[in-house]
Amino acid sequence: MNALLSCTECPRLAGFLAEVRSRRPDYHARPVLPFGDPRARLLIVGLAPGMHGANRTGRPFTGDFAGILLYETLHAFGFGSKPVSRAADDDLRLLDCRITNAVKCLPPANKPEPTEIRTCNPYLADEFVAAPELRVILALGLVAHKAVLMALGLRQSALAFAHAARHVLPPHDLAPAGSGGRVLIDSYHCSRYNTQTRRLTSADFHDVFRSIRAELA
């Protein structure tokens, strides 16, 4: 997975990150690695690093608005040691939880192109293979939902995205032995737009995590 840090497979993203590094040498501005417990039963999949969030700090959902609700909720439900993620070198620990993104590099205007999602997808597939304990996948938004299906070799039409939807995942060839019974749960992304327009409220997001806790129980 550390080889991901030097990945330049997507020319548009690699060029954009090079521009960001030249303008903001204090930013991480490289592919962002997953964060959390490598043996976690819960994997959260977001869209991509934000310019002044994970792209700056080097940790998913850290330093931007979307991370405020996410890390507060993780703490409230026992998945995080603290309610705030400030920097990649703080002492926050995730408990039985891991966070990653469908696309590991910052995309211009926060919009990765379909070819970039496909190119980055093998990294997500590898995360599933390396996680035999994984039981619940939380997809934050439609792009993450589709990326999960792609990584698992499922048709895009197989499971429809809907907030709070629960999907029992079928066995697949890439799954490690003993990894049956996985569940995909969908949620609207905890972005500034969704929370400020109240498309996603704190109560809504907490309800999603109640269902996750019920699955893991």
N, C-alpha and C. Protein backbone atom coordinates (compact mmCIF):
# COMPACT_ATOMS: atom_id res chain seq x y z
N MET A 1 0.83 -1.22 0.00
CA MET A 1 0.00 0.00 0.00
C MET A 1 0.86 1.26 0.00
N ASN A 2 2.07 1.19 0.58
CA ASN A 2 2.92 2.38 0.58
C ASN A 2 3.35 2.77 -0.82
N ALA A 3 3.34 1.80 -1.77
CA ALA A 3 3.66 2.14 -3.16
C ALA A 3 2.65 3.12 -3.73
N LEU A 4 1.47 3.17 -3.13
CA LEU A 4 0.44 4.11 -3.56
C LEU A 4 0.93 5.55 -3.49
N LEU A 5 1.80 5.87 -2.54
CA LEU A 5 2.26 7.24 -2.36
C LEU A 5 2.99 7.78 -3.58
N SER A 6 3.55 6.89 -4.38
CA SER A 6 4.29 7.34 -5.57
C SER A 6 3.51 7.08 -6.86
N CYS A 7 2.23 6.74 -6.74
CA CYS A 7 1.44 6.42 -7.93
C CYS A 7 1.20 7.67 -8.78
N THR A 8 1.42 7.54 -10.09
CA THR A 8 1.14 8.63 -11.05
C THR A 8 0.37 8.08 -12.25
N GLU A 9 -0.46 7.08 -12.02
CA GLU A 9 -1.16 6.40 -13.10
C GLU A 9 -2.20 7.29 -13.78
N CYS A 10 -2.70 8.29 -13.08
CA CYS A 10 -3.69 9.20 -13.67
C CYS A 10 -3.01 10.52 -14.00
N PRO A 11 -2.70 10.77 -15.27
CA PRO A 11 -1.92 11.97 -15.64
C PRO A 11 -2.54 13.27 -15.17
N ARG A 12 -3.84 13.41 -15.28
CA ARG A 12 -4.50 14.65 -14.87
C ARG A 12 -4.33 14.88 -13.38
N LEU A 13 -4.53 13.84 -12.57
CA LEU A 13 -4.41 13.98 -11.12
C LEU A 13 -2.96 14.20 -10.72
N ALA A 14 -2.04 13.47 -11.34
CA ALA A 14 -0.62 13.64 -11.00
C ALA A 14 -0.15 15.05 -11.33
N GLY A 15 -0.58 15.56 -12.46
CA GLY A 15 -0.20 16.92 -12.83
C GLY A 15 -0.79 17.96 -11.90
N PHE A 16 -2.04 17.74 -11.50
CA PHE A 16 -2.69 18.68 -10.59
C PHE A 16 -1.99 18.68 -9.23
N LEU A 17 -1.64 17.50 -8.73
CA LEU A 17 -0.94 17.43 -7.45
C LEU A 17 0.43 18.10 -7.53
N ALA A 18 1.11 17.97 -8.65
CA ALA A 18 2.41 18.64 -8.81
C ALA A 18 2.23 20.16 -8.74
N GLU A 19 1.17 20.68 -9.35
CA GLU A 19 0.90 22.11 -9.28
C GLU A 19 0.62 22.54 -7.84
N VAL A 20 -0.18 21.73 -7.13
CA VAL A 20 -0.51 22.06 -5.74
C VAL A 20 0.75 22.06 -4.87
N ARG A 21 1.62 21.09 -5.06
CA ARG A 21 2.87 21.03 -4.27
C ARG A 21 3.74 22.25 -4.53
N SER A 22 3.75 22.74 -5.77
CA SER A 22 4.58 23.90 -6.07
C SER A 22 4.01 25.17 -5.44
N ARG A 23 2.67 25.24 -5.36
CA ARG A 23 2.02 26.42 -4.77
C ARG A 23 1.93 26.33 -3.26
N ARG A 24 1.82 25.12 -2.74
CA ARG A 24 1.65 24.90 -1.30
C ARG A 24 2.60 23.80 -0.83
N PRO A 25 3.87 24.11 -0.70
CA PRO A 25 4.85 23.08 -0.32
C PRO A 25 4.62 22.49 1.06
N ASP A 26 3.80 23.12 1.88
CA ASP A 26 3.50 22.58 3.21
C ASP A 26 2.35 21.57 3.18
N TYR A 27 1.73 21.37 2.01
CA TYR A 27 0.63 20.42 1.88
C TYR A 27 1.17 19.01 1.60
N HIS A 28 0.42 18.01 2.01
CA HIS A 28 0.75 16.61 1.68
C HIS A 28 0.77 16.43 0.17
N ALA A 29 -0.32 16.78 -0.50
CA ALA A 29 -0.42 16.84 -1.97
C ALA A 29 0.13 15.60 -2.67
N ARG A 30 -0.22 14.45 -2.15
CA ARG A 30 0.13 13.16 -2.73
C ARG A 30 -1.05 12.22 -2.50
N PRO A 31 -1.01 11.02 -3.05
CA PRO A 31 -2.08 10.08 -2.73
C PRO A 31 -2.21 9.91 -1.21
N VAL A 32 -3.44 9.80 -0.75
CA VAL A 32 -3.72 9.70 0.68
C VAL A 32 -3.99 8.25 1.04
N LEU A 33 -3.21 7.72 1.96
CA LEU A 33 -3.36 6.33 2.39
C LEU A 33 -4.58 6.16 3.29
N PRO A 34 -5.12 4.95 3.36
CA PRO A 34 -6.19 4.68 4.33
C PRO A 34 -5.70 4.94 5.75
N PHE A 35 -6.65 5.17 6.65
CA PHE A 35 -6.33 5.45 8.04
C PHE A 35 -7.18 4.57 8.94
N GLY A 36 -6.54 3.97 9.96
CA GLY A 36 -7.30 3.23 10.96
C GLY A 36 -6.77 1.83 11.18
N ASP A 37 -7.62 1.01 11.78
CA ASP A 37 -7.28 -0.34 12.19
C ASP A 37 -7.24 -1.26 10.97
N PRO A 38 -6.09 -1.86 10.65
CA PRO A 38 -6.02 -2.73 9.48
C PRO A 38 -6.85 -4.00 9.62
N ARG A 39 -7.25 -4.34 10.84
CA ARG A 39 -8.07 -5.53 11.07
C ARG A 39 -9.51 -5.15 11.43
N ALA A 40 -9.91 -3.96 11.04
CA ALA A 40 -11.24 -3.44 11.40
C ALA A 40 -12.35 -4.24 10.74
N ARG A 41 -13.48 -4.28 11.43
CA ARG A 41 -14.69 -4.89 10.85
C ARG A 41 -15.51 -3.87 10.06
N LEU A 42 -15.23 -2.58 10.26
CA LEU A 42 -15.93 -1.52 9.53
C LEU A 42 -14.95 -0.76 8.64
N LEU A 43 -15.28 -0.67 7.35
CA LEU A 43 -14.51 0.14 6.42
C LEU A 43 -15.42 1.22 5.85
N ILE A 44 -14.99 2.48 5.99
CA ILE A 44 -15.74 3.61 5.46
C ILE A 44 -15.06 4.07 4.17
N VAL A 45 -15.84 4.19 3.11
CA VAL A 45 -15.31 4.59 1.81
C VAL A 45 -15.89 5.94 1.42
N GLY A 46 -15.02 6.93 1.29
CA GLY A 46 -15.42 8.26 0.84
C GLY A 46 -15.15 8.44 -0.64
N LEU A 47 -15.23 9.68 -1.09
CA LEU A 47 -15.05 9.99 -2.51
C LEU A 47 -13.57 10.17 -2.86
N ALA A 48 -12.97 11.25 -2.36
CA ALA A 48 -11.58 11.59 -2.69
C ALA A 48 -11.10 12.63 -1.68
N PRO A 49 -9.79 12.83 -1.55
CA PRO A 49 -9.29 13.87 -0.64
C PRO A 49 -9.78 15.26 -1.04
N GLY A 50 -10.05 16.10 -0.05
CA GLY A 50 -10.40 17.49 -0.29
C GLY A 50 -9.16 18.36 -0.33
N MET A 51 -9.23 19.45 -1.07
CA MET A 51 -8.06 20.32 -1.25
C MET A 51 -7.42 20.73 0.07
N HIS A 52 -8.21 21.25 1.00
CA HIS A 52 -7.65 21.76 2.25
C HIS A 52 -7.90 20.81 3.42
N GLY A 53 -8.35 19.60 3.10
CA GLY A 53 -8.56 18.58 4.11
C GLY A 53 -7.48 17.52 4.02
N ALA A 54 -7.85 16.33 3.53
CA ALA A 54 -6.89 15.23 3.45
C ALA A 54 -5.71 15.56 2.54
N ASN A 55 -5.94 16.32 1.48
CA ASN A 55 -4.82 16.70 0.61
C ASN A 55 -3.80 17.56 1.34
N ARG A 56 -4.25 18.30 2.34
CA ARG A 56 -3.32 19.12 3.14
C ARG A 56 -2.68 18.30 4.26
N THR A 57 -3.49 17.51 4.96
CA THR A 57 -3.02 16.84 6.17
C THR A 57 -2.46 15.45 5.93
N GLY A 58 -2.89 14.79 4.84
CA GLY A 58 -2.43 13.43 4.59
C GLY A 58 -3.25 12.36 5.30
N ARG A 59 -4.36 12.73 5.92
CA ARG A 59 -5.24 11.76 6.58
C ARG A 59 -6.66 11.95 6.05
N PRO A 60 -7.37 10.87 5.71
CA PRO A 60 -8.73 11.01 5.18
C PRO A 60 -9.65 11.81 6.10
N PHE A 61 -10.41 12.71 5.51
CA PHE A 61 -11.43 13.51 6.20
C PHE A 61 -10.85 14.34 7.36
N THR A 62 -9.64 14.74 7.26
CA THR A 62 -9.00 15.50 8.34
C THR A 62 -8.63 16.89 7.86
N GLY A 63 -9.22 17.90 8.53
CA GLY A 63 -8.92 19.28 8.18
C GLY A 63 -9.98 19.94 7.33
N ASP A 64 -11.06 19.22 7.00
CA ASP A 64 -12.11 19.84 6.21
C ASP A 64 -13.46 19.66 6.92
N PHE A 65 -14.48 20.29 6.37
CA PHE A 65 -15.80 20.31 7.01
C PHE A 65 -16.41 18.92 7.11
N ALA A 66 -16.23 18.10 6.07
CA ALA A 66 -16.84 16.77 6.07
C ALA A 66 -16.37 15.92 7.25
N GLY A 67 -15.13 16.14 7.67
CA GLY A 67 -14.59 15.34 8.76
C GLY A 67 -15.17 15.69 10.12
N ILE A 68 -15.76 16.87 10.26
CA ILE A 68 -16.29 17.28 11.56
C ILE A 68 -17.38 16.31 12.01
N LEU A 69 -18.38 16.10 11.16
CA LEU A 69 -19.47 15.19 11.51
C LEU A 69 -18.99 13.74 11.56
N LEU A 70 -18.11 13.37 10.63
CA LEU A 70 -17.67 11.98 10.60
C LEU A 70 -16.95 11.58 11.87
N TYR A 71 -15.95 12.35 12.28
CA TYR A 71 -15.16 11.96 13.45
C TYR A 71 -15.94 12.12 14.75
N GLU A 72 -16.83 13.11 14.80
CA GLU A 72 -17.69 13.23 15.98
C GLU A 72 -18.58 12.00 16.11
N THR A 73 -19.10 11.53 14.99
CA THR A 73 -19.98 10.36 15.01
C THR A 73 -19.20 9.09 15.34
N LEU A 74 -18.01 8.95 14.77
CA LEU A 74 -17.19 7.78 15.09
C LEU A 74 -16.90 7.70 16.59
N HIS A 75 -16.60 8.84 17.18
CA HIS A 75 -16.34 8.87 18.63
C HIS A 75 -17.60 8.51 19.42
N ALA A 76 -18.73 9.06 19.00
CA ALA A 76 -19.98 8.83 19.71
C ALA A 76 -20.37 7.36 19.71
N PHE A 77 -19.97 6.64 18.67
CA PHE A 77 -20.35 5.23 18.56
C PHE A 77 -19.20 4.27 18.86
N GLY A 78 -18.15 4.80 19.49
CA GLY A 78 -17.08 3.94 19.97
C GLY A 78 -16.06 3.52 18.94
N PHE A 79 -16.06 4.18 17.77
CA PHE A 79 -15.09 3.84 16.74
C PHE A 79 -13.86 4.75 16.74
N GLY A 80 -13.88 5.81 17.53
CA GLY A 80 -12.76 6.74 17.57
C GLY A 80 -12.41 7.12 18.99
N SER A 81 -11.12 7.28 19.27
CA SER A 81 -10.69 7.62 20.63
C SER A 81 -10.97 9.07 20.98
N LYS A 82 -11.16 9.92 19.96
CA LYS A 82 -11.44 11.34 20.18
C LYS A 82 -12.47 11.80 19.15
N PRO A 83 -13.20 12.90 19.43
CA PRO A 83 -14.23 13.36 18.50
C PRO A 83 -13.71 14.26 17.38
N VAL A 84 -12.42 14.57 17.40
CA VAL A 84 -11.86 15.50 16.40
C VAL A 84 -10.57 14.92 15.84
N SER A 85 -10.41 15.00 14.53
CA SER A 85 -9.16 14.62 13.87
C SER A 85 -8.49 15.90 13.39
N ARG A 86 -7.35 16.23 14.00
CA ARG A 86 -6.70 17.51 13.72
C ARG A 86 -5.56 17.40 12.71
N ALA A 87 -4.76 16.34 12.79
CA ALA A 87 -3.60 16.21 11.93
C ALA A 87 -3.19 14.74 11.88
N ALA A 88 -2.42 14.40 10.86
CA ALA A 88 -2.01 13.01 10.69
C ALA A 88 -1.12 12.51 11.81
N ASP A 89 -0.49 13.43 12.55
CA ASP A 89 0.41 13.01 13.62
C ASP A 89 -0.18 13.25 15.01
N ASP A 90 -1.52 13.47 15.10
CA ASP A 90 -2.10 13.58 16.43
C ASP A 90 -2.28 12.17 17.02
N ASP A 91 -2.83 12.07 18.21
CA ASP A 91 -2.91 10.76 18.87
C ASP A 91 -4.29 10.11 18.72
N LEU A 92 -5.08 10.56 17.77
CA LEU A 92 -6.37 9.93 17.52
C LEU A 92 -6.16 8.51 17.03
N ARG A 93 -6.95 7.58 17.56
CA ARG A 93 -6.95 6.19 17.10
C ARG A 93 -8.36 5.80 16.69
N LEU A 94 -8.45 5.06 15.62
CA LEU A 94 -9.72 4.46 15.23
C LEU A 94 -9.79 3.04 15.78
N LEU A 95 -10.96 2.67 16.26
CA LEU A 95 -11.16 1.40 16.94
C LEU A 95 -12.12 0.54 16.13
N ASP A 96 -11.62 -0.56 15.57
CA ASP A 96 -12.43 -1.47 14.76
C ASP A 96 -12.99 -0.76 13.54
N CYS A 97 -12.26 0.23 13.05
CA CYS A 97 -12.74 1.06 11.93
C CYS A 97 -11.55 1.51 11.09
N ARG A 98 -11.79 1.64 9.80
CA ARG A 98 -10.77 2.11 8.87
C ARG A 98 -11.46 3.01 7.85
N ILE A 99 -10.77 4.05 7.41
CA ILE A 99 -11.33 5.01 6.46
C ILE A 99 -10.45 5.06 5.22
N THR A 100 -11.07 5.05 4.06
CA THR A 100 -10.35 5.14 2.80
C THR A 100 -11.19 5.96 1.82
N ASN A 101 -10.71 6.10 0.60
CA ASN A 101 -11.44 6.83 -0.44
C ASN A 101 -11.49 6.03 -1.73
N ALA A 102 -12.52 6.26 -2.52
CA ALA A 102 -12.63 5.61 -3.82
C ALA A 102 -11.48 6.05 -4.73
N VAL A 103 -11.10 7.31 -4.65
CA VAL A 103 -9.98 7.88 -5.40
C VAL A 103 -9.01 8.45 -4.38
N LYS A 104 -7.75 8.06 -4.46
CA LYS A 104 -6.78 8.41 -3.40
C LYS A 104 -6.14 9.78 -3.60
N CYS A 105 -6.29 10.37 -4.79
CA CYS A 105 -5.66 11.66 -5.07
C CYS A 105 -6.71 12.77 -5.19
N LEU A 106 -6.30 13.98 -4.86
CA LEU A 106 -7.16 15.16 -5.01
C LEU A 106 -7.52 15.38 -6.47
N PRO A 107 -8.82 15.41 -6.80
CA PRO A 107 -9.21 15.73 -8.18
C PRO A 107 -9.58 17.21 -8.31
N PRO A 108 -9.31 17.83 -9.43
CA PRO A 108 -9.75 19.22 -9.64
C PRO A 108 -11.26 19.34 -9.44
N ALA A 109 -11.65 20.39 -8.70
CA ALA A 109 -13.06 20.66 -8.43
C ALA A 109 -13.74 19.51 -7.69
N ASN A 110 -12.96 18.67 -7.02
CA ASN A 110 -13.49 17.53 -6.26
C ASN A 110 -14.28 16.56 -7.13
N LYS A 111 -13.97 16.49 -8.43
CA LYS A 111 -14.71 15.62 -9.34
C LYS A 111 -13.76 14.73 -10.12
N PRO A 112 -13.54 13.51 -9.65
CA PRO A 112 -12.73 12.58 -10.43
C PRO A 112 -13.45 12.13 -11.68
N GLU A 113 -12.71 11.87 -12.73
CA GLU A 113 -13.30 11.39 -13.96
C GLU A 113 -13.49 9.87 -13.88
N PRO A 114 -14.43 9.33 -14.66
CA PRO A 114 -14.68 7.88 -14.62
C PRO A 114 -13.42 7.04 -14.84
N THR A 115 -12.55 7.47 -15.75
CA THR A 115 -11.33 6.69 -15.99
C THR A 115 -10.42 6.71 -14.76
N GLU A 116 -10.42 7.80 -14.00
CA GLU A 116 -9.60 7.88 -12.79
C GLU A 116 -10.15 6.99 -11.69
N ILE A 117 -11.47 6.92 -11.59
CA ILE A 117 -12.09 6.03 -10.61
C ILE A 117 -11.73 4.58 -10.93
N ARG A 118 -11.78 4.22 -12.21
CA ARG A 118 -11.44 2.86 -12.62
C ARG A 118 -9.96 2.56 -12.39
N THR A 119 -9.10 3.51 -12.69
CA THR A 119 -7.66 3.30 -12.53
C THR A 119 -7.29 3.10 -11.07
N CYS A 120 -7.95 3.82 -10.18
CA CYS A 120 -7.64 3.74 -8.75
C CYS A 120 -8.34 2.56 -8.08
N ASN A 121 -9.31 1.97 -8.73
CA ASN A 121 -10.14 0.96 -8.09
C ASN A 121 -9.38 -0.28 -7.61
N PRO A 122 -8.31 -0.73 -8.30
CA PRO A 122 -7.58 -1.89 -7.78
C PRO A 122 -7.03 -1.69 -6.37
N TYR A 123 -6.71 -0.45 -6.00
CA TYR A 123 -6.24 -0.21 -4.63
C TYR A 123 -7.36 -0.51 -3.62
N LEU A 124 -8.58 -0.13 -3.97
CA LEU A 124 -9.71 -0.42 -3.10
C LEU A 124 -9.97 -1.92 -3.05
N ALA A 125 -9.89 -2.58 -4.19
CA ALA A 125 -10.06 -4.03 -4.22
C ALA A 125 -9.04 -4.73 -3.35
N ASP A 126 -7.80 -4.24 -3.39
CA ASP A 126 -6.75 -4.82 -2.55
C ASP A 126 -7.07 -4.67 -1.07
N GLU A 127 -7.71 -3.56 -0.71
CA GLU A 127 -8.08 -3.35 0.69
C GLU A 127 -9.10 -4.38 1.16
N PHE A 128 -10.01 -4.75 0.27
CA PHE A 128 -10.98 -5.78 0.62
C PHE A 128 -10.30 -7.14 0.78
N VAL A 129 -9.38 -7.44 -0.11
CA VAL A 129 -8.67 -8.72 -0.04
C VAL A 129 -7.86 -8.83 1.24
N ALA A 130 -7.29 -7.72 1.68
CA ALA A 130 -6.40 -7.72 2.85
C ALA A 130 -7.15 -7.61 4.17
N ALA A 131 -8.49 -7.70 4.14
CA ALA A 131 -9.28 -7.47 5.35
C ALA A 131 -10.26 -8.62 5.59
N PRO A 132 -9.77 -9.77 6.01
CA PRO A 132 -10.68 -10.91 6.22
C PRO A 132 -11.68 -10.67 7.33
N GLU A 133 -11.38 -9.77 8.27
CA GLU A 133 -12.31 -9.50 9.38
C GLU A 133 -13.43 -8.54 8.99
N LEU A 134 -13.30 -7.91 7.82
CA LEU A 134 -14.25 -6.88 7.40
C LEU A 134 -15.66 -7.45 7.32
N ARG A 135 -16.61 -6.75 7.96
CA ARG A 135 -18.01 -7.19 7.95
C ARG A 135 -18.94 -6.13 7.36
N VAL A 136 -18.66 -4.84 7.60
CA VAL A 136 -19.54 -3.77 7.14
C VAL A 136 -18.73 -2.76 6.33
N ILE A 137 -19.24 -2.42 5.15
CA ILE A 137 -18.67 -1.35 4.33
C ILE A 137 -19.68 -0.22 4.29
N LEU A 138 -19.25 0.96 4.69
CA LEU A 138 -20.11 2.14 4.63
C LEU A 138 -19.66 3.00 3.46
N ALA A 139 -20.54 3.16 2.47
CA ALA A 139 -20.24 3.99 1.30
C ALA A 139 -20.86 5.36 1.49
N LEU A 140 -20.01 6.38 1.47
CA LEU A 140 -20.47 7.76 1.62
C LEU A 140 -20.69 8.37 0.24
N GLY A 141 -21.91 8.26 -0.26
CA GLY A 141 -22.24 8.84 -1.55
C GLY A 141 -22.25 7.83 -2.68
N LEU A 142 -22.82 8.26 -3.80
CA LEU A 142 -23.01 7.38 -4.95
C LEU A 142 -21.69 6.94 -5.57
N VAL A 143 -20.70 7.82 -5.68
CA VAL A 143 -19.43 7.45 -6.29
C VAL A 143 -18.76 6.36 -5.46
N ALA A 144 -18.76 6.51 -4.15
CA ALA A 144 -18.17 5.48 -3.30
C ALA A 144 -18.93 4.17 -3.43
N HIS A 145 -20.25 4.24 -3.47
CA HIS A 145 -21.08 3.05 -3.63
C HIS A 145 -20.70 2.30 -4.91
N LYS A 146 -20.60 3.03 -6.01
CA LYS A 146 -20.26 2.39 -7.28
C LYS A 146 -18.83 1.85 -7.27
N ALA A 147 -17.92 2.55 -6.60
CA ALA A 147 -16.55 2.08 -6.53
C ALA A 147 -16.45 0.77 -5.75
N VAL A 148 -17.26 0.65 -4.70
CA VAL A 148 -17.28 -0.60 -3.93
C VAL A 148 -17.77 -1.75 -4.81
N LEU A 149 -18.85 -1.53 -5.56
CA LEU A 149 -19.36 -2.58 -6.44
C LEU A 149 -18.30 -2.98 -7.47
N MET A 150 -17.62 -1.99 -8.04
CA MET A 150 -16.59 -2.26 -9.03
C MET A 150 -15.46 -3.09 -8.41
N ALA A 151 -15.04 -2.71 -7.22
CA ALA A 151 -13.92 -3.41 -6.56
C ALA A 151 -14.29 -4.85 -6.22
N LEU A 152 -15.58 -5.11 -6.01
CA LEU A 152 -16.04 -6.45 -5.68
C LEU A 152 -16.48 -7.24 -6.91
N GLY A 153 -16.32 -6.64 -8.08
CA GLY A 153 -16.67 -7.33 -9.31
C GLY A 153 -18.15 -7.47 -9.54
N LEU A 154 -18.95 -6.57 -8.96
CA LEU A 154 -20.40 -6.62 -9.11
C LEU A 154 -20.87 -5.62 -10.17
N ARG A 155 -21.95 -5.93 -10.84
CA ARG A 155 -22.52 -5.01 -11.84
C ARG A 155 -22.99 -3.73 -11.15
N GLN A 156 -22.85 -2.62 -11.85
CA GLN A 156 -23.28 -1.34 -11.28
C GLN A 156 -24.78 -1.32 -11.03
N SER A 157 -25.53 -2.12 -11.76
CA SER A 157 -26.98 -2.18 -11.58
C SER A 157 -27.40 -3.19 -10.51
N ALA A 158 -26.44 -3.89 -9.93
CA ALA A 158 -26.79 -4.98 -9.00
C ALA A 158 -27.45 -4.46 -7.73
N LEU A 159 -26.93 -3.35 -7.21
CA LEU A 159 -27.42 -2.80 -5.94
C LEU A 159 -27.61 -1.30 -6.10
N ALA A 160 -28.81 -0.82 -5.85
CA ALA A 160 -29.11 0.60 -6.04
C ALA A 160 -28.72 1.41 -4.80
N PHE A 161 -28.11 2.58 -5.03
CA PHE A 161 -27.75 3.45 -3.93
C PHE A 161 -28.99 4.15 -3.37
N ALA A 162 -29.08 4.19 -2.05
CA ALA A 162 -30.12 4.96 -1.36
C ALA A 162 -29.64 5.21 0.05
N HIS A 163 -29.92 6.38 0.58
CA HIS A 163 -29.48 6.67 1.94
C HIS A 163 -30.04 5.66 2.92
N ALA A 164 -29.16 5.12 3.76
CA ALA A 164 -29.50 4.14 4.80
C ALA A 164 -29.85 2.77 4.23
N ALA A 165 -29.62 2.55 2.94
CA ALA A 165 -29.89 1.24 2.36
C ALA A 165 -28.90 0.20 2.89
N ARG A 166 -29.38 -1.00 3.04
CA ARG A 166 -28.55 -2.13 3.50
C ARG A 166 -28.54 -3.19 2.40
N HIS A 167 -27.35 -3.59 1.98
CA HIS A 167 -27.20 -4.58 0.92
C HIS A 167 -26.35 -5.74 1.43
N VAL A 168 -26.87 -6.95 1.36
CA VAL A 168 -26.06 -8.12 1.67
C VAL A 168 -25.22 -8.44 0.44
N LEU A 169 -23.91 -8.47 0.61
CA LEU A 169 -23.01 -8.67 -0.52
C LEU A 169 -22.84 -10.16 -0.81
N PRO A 170 -22.92 -10.54 -2.08
CA PRO A 170 -22.72 -11.95 -2.42
C PRO A 170 -21.24 -12.31 -2.31
N PRO A 171 -20.95 -13.59 -2.15
CA PRO A 171 -19.53 -14.01 -2.15
C PRO A 171 -18.89 -13.67 -3.49
N HIS A 172 -17.60 -13.41 -3.48
CA HIS A 172 -16.90 -13.10 -4.72
C HIS A 172 -15.51 -13.72 -4.68
N ASP A 173 -14.91 -13.85 -5.87
CA ASP A 173 -13.65 -14.58 -6.00
C ASP A 173 -12.50 -13.94 -5.24
N LEU A 174 -12.54 -12.60 -5.06
CA LEU A 174 -11.43 -11.91 -4.43
C LEU A 174 -11.50 -11.95 -2.90
N ALA A 175 -12.62 -12.41 -2.36
CA ALA A 175 -12.77 -12.39 -0.90
C ALA A 175 -11.87 -13.44 -0.25
N PRO A 176 -11.19 -13.08 0.84
CA PRO A 176 -10.39 -14.06 1.55
C PRO A 176 -11.28 -15.11 2.21
N ALA A 177 -10.69 -16.25 2.50
CA ALA A 177 -11.44 -17.32 3.16
C ALA A 177 -12.00 -16.82 4.48
N GLY A 178 -13.25 -17.17 4.75
CA GLY A 178 -13.86 -16.78 6.02
C GLY A 178 -14.42 -15.38 6.05
N SER A 179 -14.52 -14.73 4.89
CA SER A 179 -14.98 -13.34 4.87
C SER A 179 -16.43 -13.21 4.41
N GLY A 180 -17.21 -14.26 4.50
CA GLY A 180 -18.60 -14.22 4.08
C GLY A 180 -19.44 -13.33 4.99
N GLY A 181 -20.63 -13.02 4.51
CA GLY A 181 -21.56 -12.25 5.34
C GLY A 181 -21.29 -10.77 5.39
N ARG A 182 -20.61 -10.23 4.41
CA ARG A 182 -20.37 -8.78 4.40
C ARG A 182 -21.63 -8.02 3.99
N VAL A 183 -21.74 -6.82 4.53
CA VAL A 183 -22.89 -5.96 4.27
C VAL A 183 -22.41 -4.60 3.81
N LEU A 184 -23.06 -4.05 2.80
CA LEU A 184 -22.80 -2.69 2.34
C LEU A 184 -23.94 -1.80 2.80
N ILE A 185 -23.60 -0.72 3.49
CA ILE A 185 -24.58 0.26 3.93
C ILE A 185 -24.26 1.59 3.25
N ASP A 186 -25.28 2.25 2.75
CA ASP A 186 -25.11 3.53 2.06
C ASP A 186 -25.51 4.70 2.95
N SER A 187 -24.84 5.81 2.72
CA SER A 187 -25.23 7.07 3.36
C SER A 187 -24.92 8.21 2.41
N TYR A 188 -25.73 9.27 2.50
CA TYR A 188 -25.31 10.50 1.84
C TYR A 188 -23.96 10.92 2.40
N HIS A 189 -23.15 11.54 1.58
CA HIS A 189 -21.84 12.01 2.01
C HIS A 189 -22.00 13.11 3.05
N CYS A 190 -21.11 13.11 4.04
CA CYS A 190 -21.18 14.12 5.11
C CYS A 190 -20.49 15.42 4.69
N SER A 191 -20.74 15.87 3.49
CA SER A 191 -20.14 17.09 2.95
C SER A 191 -20.81 18.33 3.53
N ARG A 192 -20.15 19.46 3.38
CA ARG A 192 -20.72 20.73 3.83
C ARG A 192 -22.06 20.99 3.15
N TYR A 193 -22.12 20.74 1.84
CA TYR A 193 -23.37 20.99 1.12
C TYR A 193 -24.51 20.15 1.68
N ASN A 194 -24.27 18.86 1.86
CA ASN A 194 -25.35 17.98 2.32
C ASN A 194 -25.80 18.30 3.74
N THR A 195 -24.87 18.69 4.60
CA THR A 195 -25.25 18.98 5.99
C THR A 195 -25.89 20.36 6.10
N GLN A 196 -25.40 21.34 5.35
CA GLN A 196 -25.99 22.68 5.45
C GLN A 196 -27.36 22.76 4.80
N THR A 197 -27.61 21.95 3.77
CA THR A 197 -28.93 21.90 3.16
C THR A 197 -29.84 20.93 3.90
N ARG A 198 -29.30 20.26 4.90
CA ARG A 198 -30.02 19.29 5.74
C ARG A 198 -30.49 18.08 4.94
N ARG A 199 -29.84 17.84 3.83
CA ARG A 199 -30.06 16.56 3.16
C ARG A 199 -29.59 15.44 4.07
N LEU A 200 -28.52 15.72 4.82
CA LEU A 200 -28.02 14.79 5.82
C LEU A 200 -27.88 15.54 7.14
N THR A 201 -28.66 15.15 8.13
CA THR A 201 -28.55 15.75 9.46
C THR A 201 -27.71 14.85 10.36
N SER A 202 -27.28 15.41 11.49
CA SER A 202 -26.54 14.61 12.46
C SER A 202 -27.37 13.41 12.91
N ALA A 203 -28.67 13.63 13.11
CA ALA A 203 -29.55 12.53 13.53
C ALA A 203 -29.60 11.44 12.46
N ASP A 204 -29.68 11.85 11.20
CA ASP A 204 -29.69 10.88 10.10
C ASP A 204 -28.42 10.04 10.11
N PHE A 205 -27.30 10.73 10.26
CA PHE A 205 -26.00 10.05 10.22
C PHE A 205 -25.85 9.12 11.43
N HIS A 206 -26.32 9.55 12.57
CA HIS A 206 -26.26 8.70 13.76
C HIS A 206 -27.14 7.46 13.58
N ASP A 207 -28.26 7.61 12.89
CA ASP A 207 -29.10 6.44 12.63
C ASP A 207 -28.37 5.41 11.78
N VAL A 208 -27.60 5.89 10.82
CA VAL A 208 -26.80 4.97 9.99
C VAL A 208 -25.82 4.20 10.87
N PHE A 209 -25.18 4.90 11.79
CA PHE A 209 -24.20 4.22 12.64
C PHE A 209 -24.86 3.31 13.67
N ARG A 210 -26.09 3.59 14.04
CA ARG A 210 -26.81 2.64 14.89
C ARG A 210 -27.02 1.33 14.15
N SER A 211 -27.34 1.43 12.88
CA SER A 211 -27.53 0.22 12.09
C SER A 211 -26.21 -0.54 11.92
N ILE A 212 -25.12 0.21 11.80
CA ILE A 212 -23.80 -0.44 11.71
C ILE A 212 -23.47 -1.17 12.99
N ARG A 213 -23.71 -0.53 14.12
CA ARG A 213 -23.47 -1.19 15.40
C ARG A 213 -24.33 -2.44 15.54
N ALA A 214 -25.56 -2.39 15.08
CA ALA A 214 -26.44 -3.56 15.14
C ALA A 214 -25.88 -4.69 14.28
N GLU A 215 -25.32 -4.36 13.12
CA GLU A 215 -24.71 -5.40 12.27
C GLU A 215 -23.53 -6.05 12.98
N LEU A 216 -22.70 -5.24 13.59
CA LEU A 216 -21.48 -5.77 14.22
C LEU A 216 -21.77 -6.51 15.51
N ALA A 217 -22.93 -6.22 16.11
CA ALA A 217 -23.29 -6.91 17.34
C ALA A 217 -23.72 -8.35 17.08
